[in-house]
Amino acid sequence: MTTSNPQIGLDLNRAAPPDQAIVVEAKDLRKSYKNFEAVKGISFQVFQQECFGLLGPNGAGKSTTIRMLNCVSPISGGSLTVLGQSVTENIRLIKSQIGVVPQDNNLDTDLTVLQNLQVYARYFNIDKKEATRRADEVLELFQLTDKRNNKTDEISGGMKRRLVIARSLINQPRLIILDEPTTGLDPAARQVVWQQLRLLRDRGVTILLTTHYMEEATQLCDRLVIINEGRIMAEGKPRDLVRRLVGYEVIEMRLPEAERQELLPLIANRPILVEEAGDMLYLFGQQTHAFHNLTLPEGNYRLQRHASLEDVFLRLTGRGLAES
């Protein structure tokens, strides 16, 4: 699949928020549903022209946080400002300046691809001529021009997902909020979306996203937070988090219990962290040569690889399955 980079008409000269550097700021943000506290006092900042990630397992509080950012769900405590405006006071102004990509492809199947964009533009009081011009730009950006006059139920699932993302740009937003934007896309389509999101960021748009794809977070996010059970567990740049919380290399092993006990003295004086998960043993090398000249048993399975953001995620949130 080839890509193109049309000059999408983003109005980057629009009046900036009072504090230009900070686009989103949460302070001790909380959300409760009756006796359940879904978000338990989180604080973070998102800066202009960066991609900021919210990572966490199912039920961690990511989507709840996104709904508060979208001004769909009121906050229960703390404070939250978006583009310099409080979500408790200036909802209409905030909504006019953000683009939102929900988890679901909530398109109108009775309308064509172009009509979906034109109708959505009406919510922002954009006249039909201008809406059509902007629609053509975003369709070219996401390689959907040749499907312009197709009904949405005639295009593939991947195309529908790209259309939902394209739709979020119709009001030329300063901030795009994406809730698992590439779920269900094949690798080629995912790469196209990543390329265009990086392009938008380079042109001044701020991006906030949730994702379950650790590669996606590594590729796109300048900074991120990992949330678990409504609390922030870690915050930083992806590479820095990997180095600080996991290390440089990882060895995965499956060993009988007797061999596990024999292994521990071999690594006792080395910069190696050990984690056991079921029948698996994970050795995290905290320095570049942590495993140098270390003779390990082969066991039933062994793999040595570079440490990744997925290792950080699993160490902080656990390797068991959480209920969604």
C-alpha atoms as a PDB file:
ATOM      1  CA  MET A   1       0.000   0.000   0.000  1.00  0.00           C
ATOM      2  CA  THR A   2       1.518   3.358  -1.021  1.00  0.00           C
ATOM      3  CA  THR A   3       1.042   6.559   0.953  1.00  0.00           C
ATOM      4  CA  SER A   4       0.700  10.216   0.107  1.00  0.00           C
ATOM      5  CA  ASN A   5       0.994  13.367   2.160  1.00  0.00           C
ATOM      6  CA  PRO A   6      -1.589  15.931   1.018  1.00  0.00           C
ATOM      7  CA  GLN A   7      -1.556  19.312   2.705  1.00  0.00           C
ATOM      8  CA  ILE A   8      -4.537  18.909   4.993  1.00  0.00           C
ATOM      9  CA  GLY A   9      -6.024  22.302   5.881  1.00  0.00           C
ATOM     10  CA  LEU A  10      -5.368  22.378   9.613  1.00  0.00           C
ATOM     11  CA  ASP A  11      -5.851  25.858  11.023  1.00  0.00           C
ATOM     12  CA  LEU A  12      -2.724  26.045  13.164  1.00  0.00           C
ATOM     13  CA  ASN A  13      -3.009  29.820  13.525  1.00  0.00           C
ATOM     14  CA  ARG A  14      -6.158  29.573  15.631  1.00  0.00           C
ATOM     15  CA  ALA A  15      -5.913  31.465  18.938  1.00  0.00           C
ATOM     16  CA  ALA A  16      -3.845  29.429  21.389  1.00  0.00           C
ATOM     17  CA  PRO A  17      -5.079  28.447  24.855  1.00  0.00           C
ATOM     18  CA  PRO A  18      -3.958  30.699  27.739  1.00  0.00           C
ATOM     19  CA  ASP A  19      -1.049  28.378  28.575  1.00  0.00           C
ATOM     20  CA  GLN A  20       0.186  27.395  25.145  1.00  0.00           C
ATOM     21  CA  ALA A  21       2.537  24.673  26.348  1.00  0.00           C
ATOM     22  CA  ILE A  22      -0.069  22.654  28.281  1.00  0.00           C
ATOM     23  CA  VAL A  23      -2.972  21.222  26.287  1.00  0.00           C
ATOM     24  CA  VAL A  24      -4.390  18.833  28.915  1.00  0.00           C
ATOM     25  CA  GLU A  25      -3.859  19.003  32.657  1.00  0.00           C
ATOM     26  CA  ALA A  26      -5.337  16.614  35.219  1.00  0.00           C
ATOM     27  CA  LYS A  27      -4.825  17.213  38.935  1.00  0.00           C
ATOM     28  CA  ASP A  28      -5.943  14.545  41.398  1.00  0.00           C
ATOM     29  CA  LEU A  29      -8.625  13.550  38.864  1.00  0.00           C
ATOM     30  CA  ARG A  30     -11.264  11.169  40.194  1.00  0.00           C
ATOM     31  CA  LYS A  31     -14.319   9.361  38.879  1.00  0.00           C
ATOM     32  CA  SER A  32     -16.763   7.341  40.970  1.00  0.00           C
ATOM     33  CA  TYR A  33     -19.827   5.291  40.091  1.00  0.00           C
ATOM     34  CA  LYS A  34     -21.891   4.793  43.242  1.00  0.00           C
ATOM     35  CA  ASN A  35     -19.559   2.756  45.492  1.00  0.00           C
ATOM     36  CA  PHE A  36     -16.898   2.093  42.831  1.00  0.00           C
ATOM     37  CA  GLU A  37     -14.007   4.490  42.222  1.00  0.00           C
ATOM     38  CA  ALA A  38     -12.826   3.960  38.642  1.00  0.00           C
ATOM     39  CA  VAL A  39     -10.197   6.718  38.606  1.00  0.00           C
ATOM     40  CA  LYS A  40      -8.411   7.302  41.908  1.00  0.00           C
ATOM     41  CA  GLY A  41      -6.703  10.664  41.856  1.00  0.00           C
ATOM     42  CA  ILE A  42      -4.471  10.719  38.785  1.00  0.00           C
ATOM     43  CA  SER A  43      -2.377  13.706  37.697  1.00  0.00           C
ATOM     44  CA  PHE A  44      -0.680  14.280  34.345  1.00  0.00           C
ATOM     45  CA  GLN A  45      -0.008  16.907  31.698  1.00  0.00           C
ATOM     46  CA  VAL A  46      -0.105  16.722  27.911  1.00  0.00           C
ATOM     47  CA  PHE A  47       1.984  19.286  26.072  1.00  0.00           C
ATOM     48  CA  GLN A  48       1.393  20.941  22.734  1.00  0.00           C
ATOM     49  CA  GLN A  49       2.425  18.959  19.639  1.00  0.00           C
ATOM     50  CA  GLU A  50       3.178  15.689  21.418  1.00  0.00           C
ATOM     51  CA  CYS A  51       1.623  12.255  21.313  1.00  0.00           C
ATOM     52  CA  PHE A  52       0.696  11.168  24.827  1.00  0.00           C
ATOM     53  CA  GLY A  53      -0.389   7.618  25.632  1.00  0.00           C
ATOM     54  CA  LEU A  54      -2.694   6.136  28.250  1.00  0.00           C
ATOM     55  CA  LEU A  55      -1.842   2.455  28.669  1.00  0.00           C
ATOM     56  CA  GLY A  56      -3.405  -0.073  30.959  1.00  0.00           C
ATOM     57  CA  PRO A  57      -5.279  -3.388  31.112  1.00  0.00           C
ATOM     58  CA  ASN A  58      -9.041  -3.680  30.735  1.00  0.00           C
ATOM     59  CA  GLY A  59     -10.802  -1.958  33.600  1.00  0.00           C
ATOM     60  CA  ALA A  60      -7.779   0.199  34.485  1.00  0.00           C
ATOM     61  CA  GLY A  61      -9.638   3.506  34.017  1.00  0.00           C
ATOM     62  CA  LYS A  62      -8.398   4.501  30.551  1.00  0.00           C
ATOM     63  CA  SER A  63     -11.751   4.798  28.804  1.00  0.00           C
ATOM     64  CA  THR A  64     -13.250   6.501  31.864  1.00  0.00           C
ATOM     65  CA  THR A  65     -10.487   9.099  31.665  1.00  0.00           C
ATOM     66  CA  ILE A  66     -11.108   9.533  27.940  1.00  0.00           C
ATOM     67  CA  ARG A  67     -14.827  10.128  28.564  1.00  0.00           C
ATOM     68  CA  MET A  68     -14.000  12.850  31.071  1.00  0.00           C
ATOM     69  CA  LEU A  69     -11.600  14.438  28.576  1.00  0.00           C
ATOM     70  CA  ASN A  70     -14.336  14.326  25.925  1.00  0.00           C
ATOM     71  CA  CYS A  71     -16.717  16.102  28.319  1.00  0.00           C
ATOM     72  CA  VAL A  72     -19.055  13.099  28.056  1.00  0.00           C
ATOM     73  CA  SER A  73     -18.743  12.039  31.703  1.00  0.00           C
ATOM     74  CA  PRO A  74     -18.509  14.615  34.521  1.00  0.00           C
ATOM     75  CA  ILE A  75     -15.548  14.438  36.872  1.00  0.00           C
ATOM     76  CA  SER A  76     -16.140  13.366  40.481  1.00  0.00           C
ATOM     77  CA  GLY A  77     -13.170  15.153  42.008  1.00  0.00           C
ATOM     78  CA  GLY A  78      -9.959  17.013  41.301  1.00  0.00           C
ATOM     79  CA  SER A  79      -9.643  19.190  38.218  1.00  0.00           C
ATOM     80  CA  LEU A  80      -9.305  18.697  34.475  1.00  0.00           C
ATOM     81  CA  THR A  81      -8.562  21.345  31.862  1.00  0.00           C
ATOM     82  CA  VAL A  82      -8.475  20.829  28.101  1.00  0.00           C
ATOM     83  CA  LEU A  83      -7.020  23.546  25.854  1.00  0.00           C
ATOM     84  CA  GLY A  84      -6.977  25.876  28.820  1.00  0.00           C
ATOM     85  CA  GLN A  85     -10.672  25.384  29.607  1.00  0.00           C
ATOM     86  CA  SER A  86     -12.225  23.578  32.554  1.00  0.00           C
ATOM     87  CA  VAL A  87     -14.328  20.566  31.565  1.00  0.00           C
ATOM     88  CA  THR A  88     -16.865  21.658  34.179  1.00  0.00           C
ATOM     89  CA  GLU A  89     -17.456  25.083  32.666  1.00  0.00           C
ATOM     90  CA  ASN A  90     -16.705  25.385  28.941  1.00  0.00           C
ATOM     91  CA  ILE A  91     -17.873  22.138  27.406  1.00  0.00           C
ATOM     92  CA  ARG A  92     -19.066  23.558  24.073  1.00  0.00           C
ATOM     93  CA  LEU A  93     -15.822  25.457  23.509  1.00  0.00           C
ATOM     94  CA  ILE A  94     -13.742  22.359  24.281  1.00  0.00           C
ATOM     95  CA  LYS A  95     -15.798  20.127  21.995  1.00  0.00           C
ATOM     96  CA  SER A  96     -15.421  22.596  19.127  1.00  0.00           C
ATOM     97  CA  GLN A  97     -11.613  22.301  19.271  1.00  0.00           C
ATOM     98  CA  ILE A  98     -11.084  18.562  19.734  1.00  0.00           C
ATOM     99  CA  GLY A  99     -11.449  15.544  17.500  1.00  0.00           C
ATOM    100  CA  VAL A 100     -12.586  12.238  18.967  1.00  0.00           C
ATOM    101  CA  VAL A 101     -12.066   8.699  17.669  1.00  0.00           C
ATOM    102  CA  PRO A 102     -14.193   6.245  19.702  1.00  0.00           C
ATOM    103  CA  GLN A 103     -13.501   2.525  19.990  1.00  0.00           C
ATOM    104  CA  ASP A 104     -16.483   1.653  17.790  1.00  0.00           C
ATOM    105  CA  ASN A 105     -16.938   2.461  14.101  1.00  0.00           C
ATOM    106  CA  ASN A 106     -20.132   4.444  14.654  1.00  0.00           C
ATOM    107  CA  LEU A 107     -20.744   5.381  11.030  1.00  0.00           C
ATOM    108  CA  ASP A 108     -24.112   5.810   9.309  1.00  0.00           C
ATOM    109  CA  THR A 109     -24.396   2.846   6.954  1.00  0.00           C
ATOM    110  CA  ASP A 110     -27.216   4.502   4.978  1.00  0.00           C
ATOM    111  CA  LEU A 111     -24.860   7.268   3.846  1.00  0.00           C
ATOM    112  CA  THR A 112     -21.847   7.309   1.560  1.00  0.00           C
ATOM    113  CA  VAL A 113     -18.317   7.831   2.822  1.00  0.00           C
ATOM    114  CA  LEU A 114     -18.446  11.493   1.753  1.00  0.00           C
ATOM    115  CA  GLN A 115     -21.902  12.060   3.230  1.00  0.00           C
ATOM    116  CA  ASN A 116     -20.772  10.721   6.601  1.00  0.00           C
ATOM    117  CA  LEU A 117     -18.150  13.453   6.715  1.00  0.00           C
ATOM    118  CA  GLN A 118     -20.497  16.167   5.445  1.00  0.00           C
ATOM    119  CA  VAL A 119     -23.163  15.353   8.013  1.00  0.00           C
ATOM    120  CA  TYR A 120     -20.612  15.283  10.828  1.00  0.00           C
ATOM    121  CA  ALA A 121     -19.358  18.721   9.729  1.00  0.00           C
ATOM    122  CA  ARG A 122     -22.816  20.187  10.403  1.00  0.00           C
ATOM    123  CA  TYR A 123     -22.291  19.690  14.137  1.00  0.00           C
ATOM    124  CA  PHE A 124     -19.562  22.342  13.865  1.00  0.00           C
ATOM    125  CA  ASN A 125     -21.620  24.740  11.708  1.00  0.00           C
ATOM    126  CA  ILE A 126     -19.406  24.126   8.692  1.00  0.00           C
ATOM    127  CA  ASP A 127     -21.209  24.928   5.422  1.00  0.00           C
ATOM    128  CA  LYS A 128     -21.528  22.215   2.783  1.00  0.00           C
ATOM    129  CA  LYS A 129     -18.960  23.657   0.365  1.00  0.00           C
ATOM    130  CA  GLU A 130     -16.281  23.926   3.037  1.00  0.00           C
ATOM    131  CA  ALA A 131     -17.262  20.555   4.496  1.00  0.00           C
ATOM    132  CA  THR A 132     -16.802  18.918   1.096  1.00  0.00           C
ATOM    133  CA  ARG A 133     -13.386  20.544   0.651  1.00  0.00           C
ATOM    134  CA  ARG A 134     -12.218  19.339   4.056  1.00  0.00           C
ATOM    135  CA  ALA A 135     -13.734  15.903   3.473  1.00  0.00           C
ATOM    136  CA  ASP A 136     -11.764  15.487   0.255  1.00  0.00           C
ATOM    137  CA  GLU A 137      -8.561  16.436   2.098  1.00  0.00           C
ATOM    138  CA  VAL A 138      -8.967  13.896   4.881  1.00  0.00           C
ATOM    139  CA  LEU A 139     -10.090  11.184   2.461  1.00  0.00           C
ATOM    140  CA  GLU A 140      -6.868  11.692   0.507  1.00  0.00           C
ATOM    141  CA  LEU A 141      -4.865  11.698   3.717  1.00  0.00           C
ATOM    142  CA  PHE A 142      -6.211   8.279   4.698  1.00  0.00           C
ATOM    143  CA  GLN A 143      -6.250   6.882   1.135  1.00  0.00           C
ATOM    144  CA  LEU A 144     -10.027   6.669   0.854  1.00  0.00           C
ATOM    145  CA  THR A 145     -10.624   8.980  -2.129  1.00  0.00           C
ATOM    146  CA  ASP A 146     -11.622   6.131  -4.444  1.00  0.00           C
ATOM    147  CA  LYS A 147     -14.315   5.072  -1.923  1.00  0.00           C
ATOM    148  CA  ARG A 148     -15.768   8.588  -1.718  1.00  0.00           C
ATOM    149  CA  ASN A 149     -19.177   7.633  -3.139  1.00  0.00           C
ATOM    150  CA  ASN A 150     -19.464   4.141  -1.669  1.00  0.00           C
ATOM    151  CA  LYS A 151     -21.887   3.354   1.119  1.00  0.00           C
ATOM    152  CA  THR A 152     -19.998   2.637   4.325  1.00  0.00           C
ATOM    153  CA  ASP A 153     -21.334  -0.920   4.475  1.00  0.00           C
ATOM    154  CA  GLU A 154     -19.597  -1.518   1.126  1.00  0.00           C
ATOM    155  CA  ILE A 155     -16.078  -0.842   2.434  1.00  0.00           C
ATOM    156  CA  SER A 156     -13.835  -3.045   4.539  1.00  0.00           C
ATOM    157  CA  GLY A 157     -13.515  -2.920   8.302  1.00  0.00           C
ATOM    158  CA  GLY A 158     -10.055  -1.378   8.019  1.00  0.00           C
ATOM    159  CA  MET A 159     -11.383   1.353   5.724  1.00  0.00           C
ATOM    160  CA  LYS A 160     -14.206   2.071   8.156  1.00  0.00           C
ATOM    161  CA  ARG A 161     -11.666   2.530  10.926  1.00  0.00           C
ATOM    162  CA  ARG A 162      -9.618   4.935   8.820  1.00  0.00           C
ATOM    163  CA  LEU A 163     -12.810   6.824   7.959  1.00  0.00           C
ATOM    164  CA  VAL A 164     -13.656   7.279  11.638  1.00  0.00           C
ATOM    165  CA  ILE A 165     -10.195   8.737  12.205  1.00  0.00           C
ATOM    166  CA  ALA A 166     -10.556  10.957   9.128  1.00  0.00           C
ATOM    167  CA  ARG A 167     -13.923  12.170  10.427  1.00  0.00           C
ATOM    168  CA  SER A 168     -12.305  13.372  13.663  1.00  0.00           C
ATOM    169  CA  LEU A 169     -10.264  15.889  11.629  1.00  0.00           C
ATOM    170  CA  ILE A 170     -13.205  17.584   9.898  1.00  0.00           C
ATOM    171  CA  ASN A 171     -13.314  20.468  12.428  1.00  0.00           C
ATOM    172  CA  GLN A 172      -9.528  21.006  12.203  1.00  0.00           C
ATOM    173  CA  PRO A 173      -8.975  20.121  15.879  1.00  0.00           C
ATOM    174  CA  ARG A 174      -6.085  21.280  18.059  1.00  0.00           C
ATOM    175  CA  LEU A 175      -6.290  18.016  20.034  1.00  0.00           C
ATOM    176  CA  ILE A 176      -7.200  14.541  18.763  1.00  0.00           C
ATOM    177  CA  ILE A 177      -8.309  11.939  21.310  1.00  0.00           C
ATOM    178  CA  LEU A 178      -8.095   8.374  20.028  1.00  0.00           C
ATOM    179  CA  ASP A 179      -9.468   5.417  21.976  1.00  0.00           C
ATOM    180  CA  GLU A 180      -7.705   2.301  20.608  1.00  0.00           C
ATOM    181  CA  PRO A 181      -7.533   3.744  17.082  1.00  0.00           C
ATOM    182  CA  THR A 182      -6.075   0.761  15.210  1.00  0.00           C
ATOM    183  CA  THR A 183      -7.966  -2.142  16.777  1.00  0.00           C
ATOM    184  CA  GLY A 184      -8.927  -4.568  14.041  1.00  0.00           C
ATOM    185  CA  LEU A 185      -6.603  -3.144  11.395  1.00  0.00           C
ATOM    186  CA  ASP A 186      -4.203  -5.325   9.468  1.00  0.00           C
ATOM    187  CA  PRO A 187      -0.469  -4.480   9.727  1.00  0.00           C
ATOM    188  CA  ALA A 188      -0.385  -2.485   6.467  1.00  0.00           C
ATOM    189  CA  ALA A 189      -3.405  -0.354   7.415  1.00  0.00           C
ATOM    190  CA  ARG A 190      -1.982   0.169  10.899  1.00  0.00           C
ATOM    191  CA  GLN A 191       1.247   1.474   9.392  1.00  0.00           C
ATOM    192  CA  VAL A 192      -0.723   3.949   7.262  1.00  0.00           C
ATOM    193  CA  VAL A 193      -2.539   5.264  10.331  1.00  0.00           C
ATOM    194  CA  TRP A 194       0.734   5.601  12.259  1.00  0.00           C
ATOM    195  CA  GLN A 195       2.316   7.555   9.414  1.00  0.00           C
ATOM    196  CA  GLN A 196      -0.585   9.994   9.185  1.00  0.00           C
ATOM    197  CA  LEU A 197      -0.778  10.499  12.949  1.00  0.00           C
ATOM    198  CA  ARG A 198       2.931  11.353  13.006  1.00  0.00           C
ATOM    199  CA  LEU A 199       2.329  13.764  10.130  1.00  0.00           C
ATOM    200  CA  LEU A 200      -0.472  15.500  12.017  1.00  0.00           C
ATOM    201  CA  ARG A 201       1.680  15.802  15.139  1.00  0.00           C
ATOM    202  CA  ASP A 202       4.500  17.309  13.091  1.00  0.00           C
ATOM    203  CA  ARG A 203       2.035  19.943  11.844  1.00  0.00           C
ATOM    204  CA  GLY A 204       1.187  21.038  15.359  1.00  0.00           C
ATOM    205  CA  VAL A 205      -1.704  18.797  16.401  1.00  0.00           C
ATOM    206  CA  THR A 206      -1.591  17.271  19.882  1.00  0.00           C
ATOM    207  CA  ILE A 207      -2.548  13.593  20.120  1.00  0.00           C
ATOM    208  CA  LEU A 208      -3.784  11.631  23.117  1.00  0.00           C
ATOM    209  CA  LEU A 209      -4.414   7.930  22.649  1.00  0.00           C
ATOM    210  CA  THR A 210      -5.163   4.706  24.432  1.00  0.00           C
ATOM    211  CA  THR A 211      -3.917   1.449  22.984  1.00  0.00           C
ATOM    212  CA  HIS A 212      -3.345  -2.192  23.838  1.00  0.00           C
ATOM    213  CA  TYR A 213      -0.601  -2.445  21.213  1.00  0.00           C
ATOM    214  CA  MET A 214       2.751  -1.885  22.891  1.00  0.00           C
ATOM    215  CA  GLU A 215       4.464  -1.490  19.515  1.00  0.00           C
ATOM    216  CA  GLU A 216       1.990   1.270  18.675  1.00  0.00           C
ATOM    217  CA  ALA A 217       2.762   3.096  21.906  1.00  0.00           C
ATOM    218  CA  THR A 218       6.498   2.731  21.278  1.00  0.00           C
ATOM    219  CA  GLN A 219       6.173   3.985  17.699  1.00  0.00           C
ATOM    220  CA  LEU A 220       3.892   6.961  18.385  1.00  0.00           C
ATOM    221  CA  CYS A 221       4.125   8.163  21.976  1.00  0.00           C
ATOM    222  CA  ASP A 222       6.544  10.868  23.044  1.00  0.00           C
ATOM    223  CA  ARG A 223       5.455  10.202  26.629  1.00  0.00           C
ATOM    224  CA  LEU A 224       2.925   7.916  28.288  1.00  0.00           C
ATOM    225  CA  VAL A 225       1.441   6.820  31.570  1.00  0.00           C
ATOM    226  CA  ILE A 226       0.608   3.265  32.581  1.00  0.00           C
ATOM    227  CA  ILE A 227      -2.601   3.034  34.593  1.00  0.00           C
ATOM    228  CA  ASN A 228      -3.752   0.107  36.698  1.00  0.00           C
ATOM    229  CA  GLU A 229      -6.818  -0.048  38.947  1.00  0.00           C
ATOM    230  CA  GLY A 230      -7.434   3.663  38.546  1.00  0.00           C
ATOM    231  CA  ARG A 231      -3.922   4.800  39.518  1.00  0.00           C
ATOM    232  CA  ILE A 232      -0.871   5.855  37.540  1.00  0.00           C
ATOM    233  CA  MET A 233       1.898   3.291  37.977  1.00  0.00           C
ATOM    234  CA  ALA A 234       4.580   4.964  35.845  1.00  0.00           C
ATOM    235  CA  GLU A 235       5.092   7.952  33.557  1.00  0.00           C
ATOM    236  CA  GLY A 236       7.796   8.826  31.057  1.00  0.00           C
ATOM    237  CA  LYS A 237       9.206   8.306  27.592  1.00  0.00           C
ATOM    238  CA  PRO A 238       8.813   4.713  26.343  1.00  0.00           C
ATOM    239  CA  ARG A 239      12.545   4.069  26.021  1.00  0.00           C
ATOM    240  CA  ASP A 240      13.290   5.602  29.422  1.00  0.00           C
ATOM    241  CA  LEU A 241      10.620   3.462  31.094  1.00  0.00           C
ATOM    242  CA  VAL A 242      12.068   0.306  29.575  1.00  0.00           C
ATOM    243  CA  ARG A 243      15.596   1.129  30.724  1.00  0.00           C
ATOM    244  CA  ARG A 244      14.530   2.258  34.193  1.00  0.00           C
ATOM    245  CA  LEU A 245      11.945  -0.403  35.060  1.00  0.00           C
ATOM    246  CA  VAL A 246      13.100  -3.452  33.106  1.00  0.00           C
ATOM    247  CA  GLY A 247      16.597  -3.022  31.725  1.00  0.00           C
ATOM    248  CA  TYR A 248      18.258  -3.954  28.464  1.00  0.00           C
ATOM    249  CA  GLU A 249      17.756  -7.651  27.830  1.00  0.00           C
ATOM    250  CA  VAL A 250      15.320 -10.332  28.928  1.00  0.00           C
ATOM    251  CA  ILE A 251      15.695 -14.088  29.117  1.00  0.00           C
ATOM    252  CA  GLU A 252      12.499 -16.128  29.208  1.00  0.00           C
ATOM    253  CA  MET A 253      12.862 -19.667  30.583  1.00  0.00           C
ATOM    254  CA  ARG A 254      10.707 -22.623  31.484  1.00  0.00           C
ATOM    255  CA  LEU A 255      12.514 -24.737  34.059  1.00  0.00           C
ATOM    256  CA  PRO A 256      11.629 -27.540  36.454  1.00  0.00           C
ATOM    257  CA  GLU A 257      11.496 -26.371  40.075  1.00  0.00           C
ATOM    258  CA  ALA A 258      14.767 -28.080  41.003  1.00  0.00           C
ATOM    259  CA  GLU A 259      16.658 -26.291  38.227  1.00  0.00           C
ATOM    260  CA  ARG A 260      15.102 -22.968  39.230  1.00  0.00           C
ATOM    261  CA  GLN A 261      16.616 -23.306  42.688  1.00  0.00           C
ATOM    262  CA  GLU A 262      20.018 -24.130  41.192  1.00  0.00           C
ATOM    263  CA  LEU A 263      19.811 -21.043  38.977  1.00  0.00           C
ATOM    264  CA  LEU A 264      19.298 -18.458  41.721  1.00  0.00           C
ATOM    265  CA  PRO A 265      22.846 -18.626  43.195  1.00  0.00           C
ATOM    266  CA  LEU A 266      24.319 -18.136  39.699  1.00  0.00           C
ATOM    267  CA  ILE A 267      22.683 -14.720  39.325  1.00  0.00           C
ATOM    268  CA  ALA A 268      22.758 -13.598  42.966  1.00  0.00           C
ATOM    269  CA  ASN A 269      25.579 -11.061  42.492  1.00  0.00           C
ATOM    270  CA  ARG A 270      24.579  -9.851  39.046  1.00  0.00           C
ATOM    271  CA  PRO A 271      22.355  -6.861  38.086  1.00  0.00           C
ATOM    272  CA  ILE A 272      19.475  -9.182  37.199  1.00  0.00           C
ATOM    273  CA  LEU A 273      15.865  -9.013  38.331  1.00  0.00           C
ATOM    274  CA  VAL A 274      13.891 -12.251  38.539  1.00  0.00           C
ATOM    275  CA  GLU A 275      10.155 -12.649  38.037  1.00  0.00           C
ATOM    276  CA  GLU A 276       8.182 -15.881  38.154  1.00  0.00           C
ATOM    277  CA  ALA A 277       4.834 -16.200  36.372  1.00  0.00           C
ATOM    278  CA  GLY A 278       3.264 -19.638  36.343  1.00  0.00           C
ATOM    279  CA  ASP A 279       5.742 -22.035  34.784  1.00  0.00           C
ATOM    280  CA  MET A 280       7.767 -19.187  33.266  1.00  0.00           C
ATOM    281  CA  LEU A 281      10.854 -17.492  34.688  1.00  0.00           C
ATOM    282  CA  TYR A 282      11.874 -14.032  33.463  1.00  0.00           C
ATOM    283  CA  LEU A 283      15.375 -12.651  33.971  1.00  0.00           C
ATOM    284  CA  PHE A 284      15.725  -8.902  33.391  1.00  0.00           C
ATOM    285  CA  GLY A 285      19.259  -7.669  32.735  1.00  0.00           C
ATOM    286  CA  GLN A 286      19.625  -4.227  34.354  1.00  0.00           C
ATOM    287  CA  GLN A 287      22.913  -3.479  32.587  1.00  0.00           C
ATOM    288  CA  THR A 288      24.104  -4.044  29.029  1.00  0.00           C
ATOM    289  CA  HIS A 289      26.335  -7.007  29.911  1.00  0.00           C
ATOM    290  CA  ALA A 290      24.306  -8.497  32.744  1.00  0.00           C
ATOM    291  CA  PHE A 291      24.245 -11.936  31.080  1.00  0.00           C
ATOM    292  CA  HIS A 292      27.874 -11.942  29.899  1.00  0.00           C
ATOM    293  CA  ASN A 293      29.626 -15.258  30.591  1.00  0.00           C
ATOM    294  CA  LEU A 294      26.570 -16.565  32.417  1.00  0.00           C
ATOM    295  CA  THR A 295      25.911 -20.251  31.803  1.00  0.00           C
ATOM    296  CA  LEU A 296      22.216 -21.027  32.110  1.00  0.00           C
ATOM    297  CA  PRO A 297      20.392 -24.353  31.839  1.00  0.00           C
ATOM    298  CA  GLU A 298      18.502 -24.863  28.611  1.00  0.00           C
ATOM    299  CA  GLY A 299      15.373 -26.118  30.359  1.00  0.00           C
ATOM    300  CA  ASN A 300      12.280 -26.846  28.318  1.00  0.00           C
ATOM    301  CA  TYR A 301      12.333 -23.431  26.653  1.00  0.00           C
ATOM    302  CA  ARG A 302      14.660 -20.435  26.524  1.00  0.00           C
ATOM    303  CA  LEU A 303      14.586 -17.157  24.616  1.00  0.00           C
ATOM    304  CA  GLN A 304      16.903 -14.161  24.950  1.00  0.00           C
ATOM    305  CA  ARG A 305      15.718 -10.844  23.514  1.00  0.00           C
ATOM    306  CA  HIS A 306      15.790  -7.071  23.953  1.00  0.00           C
ATOM    307  CA  ALA A 307      13.619  -5.594  26.705  1.00  0.00           C
ATOM    308  CA  SER A 308      10.447  -3.860  25.503  1.00  0.00           C
ATOM    309  CA  LEU A 309       7.572  -1.708  26.650  1.00  0.00           C
ATOM    310  CA  GLU A 310       5.467  -4.856  26.914  1.00  0.00           C
ATOM    311  CA  ASP A 311       7.810  -6.076  29.662  1.00  0.00           C
ATOM    312  CA  VAL A 312       7.259  -2.827  31.554  1.00  0.00           C
ATOM    313  CA  PHE A 313       3.506  -3.106  31.095  1.00  0.00           C
ATOM    314  CA  LEU A 314       3.347  -6.683  32.359  1.00  0.00           C
ATOM    315  CA  ARG A 315       5.670  -6.048  35.309  1.00  0.00           C
ATOM    316  CA  LEU A 316       3.506  -3.135  36.474  1.00  0.00           C
ATOM    317  CA  THR A 317       0.036  -4.523  35.771  1.00  0.00           C
ATOM    318  CA  GLY A 318       0.536  -8.270  36.209  1.00  0.00           C
ATOM    319  CA  ARG A 319       0.598 -11.193  33.827  1.00  0.00           C
ATOM    320  CA  GLY A 320      -2.833 -12.569  34.715  1.00  0.00           C
ATOM    321  CA  LEU A 321      -6.051 -11.892  32.833  1.00  0.00           C
ATOM    322  CA  ALA A 322      -8.160  -9.004  34.080  1.00  0.00           C
ATOM    323  CA  GLU A 323     -11.925  -8.992  33.639  1.00  0.00           C
ATOM    324  CA  SER A 324     -13.073  -6.454  31.072  1.00  0.00           C
END
